[in-house]
Protein backbone atom coordinates (compact mmCIF):
# COMPACT_ATOMS: atom_id res chain seq x y z
CA MET A 1 0.07 0.04 0.04
CA GLN A 2 1.38 3.32 -0.93
CA VAL A 3 -0.05 5.87 1.69
CA ASP A 4 0.16 9.61 -0.06
CA THR A 5 1.62 10.74 3.60
CA VAL A 6 1.54 14.57 2.44
CA LYS A 7 -1.87 14.15 1.76
CA ILE A 8 -2.71 12.19 4.90
CA ARG A 9 -0.73 14.50 7.02
CA GLN A 10 -2.61 17.65 5.90
CA LEU A 11 -5.86 15.58 6.21
CA LEU A 12 -4.86 14.69 9.73
CA GLU A 13 -3.82 18.29 10.92
CA LYS A 14 -7.04 19.80 9.37
CA GLU A 15 -9.31 17.12 11.52
CA LEU A 16 -6.89 18.04 14.35
CA GLU A 17 -7.28 22.01 14.12
CA GLU A 18 -11.64 21.57 13.75
CA ALA A 19 -11.50 18.97 16.59
CA THR A 20 -9.52 21.33 18.90
CA LYS A 21 -11.44 24.30 17.88
CA GLU A 22 -14.68 22.12 18.63
CA LEU A 23 -13.38 20.93 22.19
CA GLU A 24 -12.36 24.41 22.93
CA GLU A 25 -16.04 25.48 22.55
CA LEU A 26 -17.84 22.69 24.16
CA GLU A 27 -15.17 23.42 27.16
CA LYS A 28 -16.13 26.97 27.17
CA LYS A 29 -20.07 25.99 27.01
CA LEU A 30 -19.42 24.08 29.89
CA GLU A 31 -17.50 26.41 32.09
CA ILE A 32 -19.93 29.08 31.50
CA LYS A 33 -22.99 26.98 32.69
CA GLY A 34 -21.12 24.59 35.12
CA ASP A 35 -23.22 22.99 37.29
CA TYR A 36 -24.75 26.02 39.11
CA GLY A 37 -28.42 25.78 39.21
CA LEU A 38 -28.96 22.81 37.45
CA GLY A 39 -30.62 19.88 39.51
CA ILE A 40 -32.89 17.19 38.71
CA GLY A 41 -35.84 17.91 36.49
CA ASP A 42 -34.21 21.06 35.57
CA PRO A 43 -34.49 21.14 31.66
CA ASN A 44 -31.26 22.72 30.92
CA ILE A 45 -29.38 19.92 32.77
CA ILE A 46 -30.15 17.75 29.49
CA GLN A 47 -28.19 20.40 27.31
CA TRP A 48 -25.36 20.34 29.79
CA GLU A 49 -25.14 16.58 29.59
CA LEU A 50 -25.44 16.31 25.84
CA ASN A 51 -22.54 19.05 25.85
CA LEU A 52 -20.56 17.06 28.21
CA ALA A 53 -21.00 14.05 26.05
CA LEU A 54 -19.87 15.90 23.22
CA ARG A 55 -17.12 17.35 24.89
CA ASP A 56 -15.86 13.71 25.63
CA ARG A 57 -16.13 12.40 21.95
CA ALA A 58 -14.39 15.56 20.84
CA ALA A 59 -11.40 14.97 23.45
CA ARG A 60 -11.33 11.34 22.23
CA LYS A 61 -10.99 12.33 18.53
CA VAL A 62 -8.03 14.88 18.95
CA GLU A 63 -6.14 12.22 20.65
CA ASP A 64 -6.75 9.77 18.21
CA ILE A 65 -5.60 12.20 15.84
CA LYS A 66 -2.53 12.88 17.69
CA ARG A 67 -1.94 9.02 17.85
CA ALA A 68 -2.70 9.08 13.90
CA LEU A 69 0.03 11.67 13.50
CA ASP A 70 2.58 10.14 15.97
CA LYS A 71 2.29 6.73 13.57
CA LEU A 72 2.45 8.63 10.47
CA ALA A 73 6.01 10.20 11.53
CA LYS A 74 7.35 6.85 12.78
CA GLY A 75 6.36 4.92 9.48
CA GLU A 76 3.43 2.84 11.38
CA TYR A 77 0.47 4.57 9.86
CA GLY A 78 -2.10 2.54 7.86
CA PHE A 79 -1.97 -0.74 9.48
CA CYS A 80 -4.95 -2.37 11.36
CA GLU A 81 -4.58 -2.52 14.95
CA ILE A 82 -6.24 -6.11 14.91
CA CYS A 83 -5.17 -7.93 11.78
CA GLY A 84 -2.22 -5.79 11.21
CA LYS A 85 -2.96 -5.62 7.32
CA PRO A 86 -3.09 -2.58 5.65
CA ILE A 87 -6.03 -0.38 5.92
CA GLU A 88 -8.22 0.12 2.73
CA GLU A 89 -6.91 3.81 1.22
CA GLU A 90 -10.13 4.94 0.66
CA ARG A 91 -10.89 4.07 4.30
CA LEU A 92 -7.73 6.38 5.28
CA GLU A 93 -8.81 8.98 3.04
CA LEU A 94 -12.52 9.23 4.57
CA LEU A 95 -11.28 8.56 8.22
CA PRO A 96 -7.56 9.19 8.49
CA TYR A 97 -7.43 8.41 11.93
CA THR A 98 -9.02 5.11 11.96
CA THR A 99 -6.92 2.26 13.38
CA LEU A 100 -8.96 -0.63 11.87
CA CYS A 101 -9.92 -1.97 8.31
CA SER A 102 -12.91 -2.23 7.29
CA LYS A 103 -13.09 -6.02 7.79
CA CYS A 104 -11.84 -5.51 11.50
CA ALA A 105 -14.25 -2.36 12.16
CA ALA A 106 -17.48 -4.55 11.14
CA GLN A 107 -16.61 -7.17 13.41
CA GLN A 108 -16.09 -4.76 16.08
CA ARG A 109 -19.66 -3.28 15.67
CA ARG A 110 -21.16 -6.64 15.87
């Protein structure tokens, strides 16, 4: 598999920038609201919990992207963590920070 490392690095850096911005915005929303005045039955708690879940997802994405950039720098990028085979190029272009090939990802979802 010949991965265009320049193209992948650009994709990952763009994804990292967007994910970091999203994470910062969600953290600001959580800081502004905090947990003051939120109690059981408060309709605002649903939005606060949603923002908390979105923040956690964004934080995981940032870490996944950083890990992918690290693998790229070490020459270890693009191989499935389960089976060790190359991850399909089309999959990497769509989800550049993925760690699983399509087959193993499908098995994980089951």
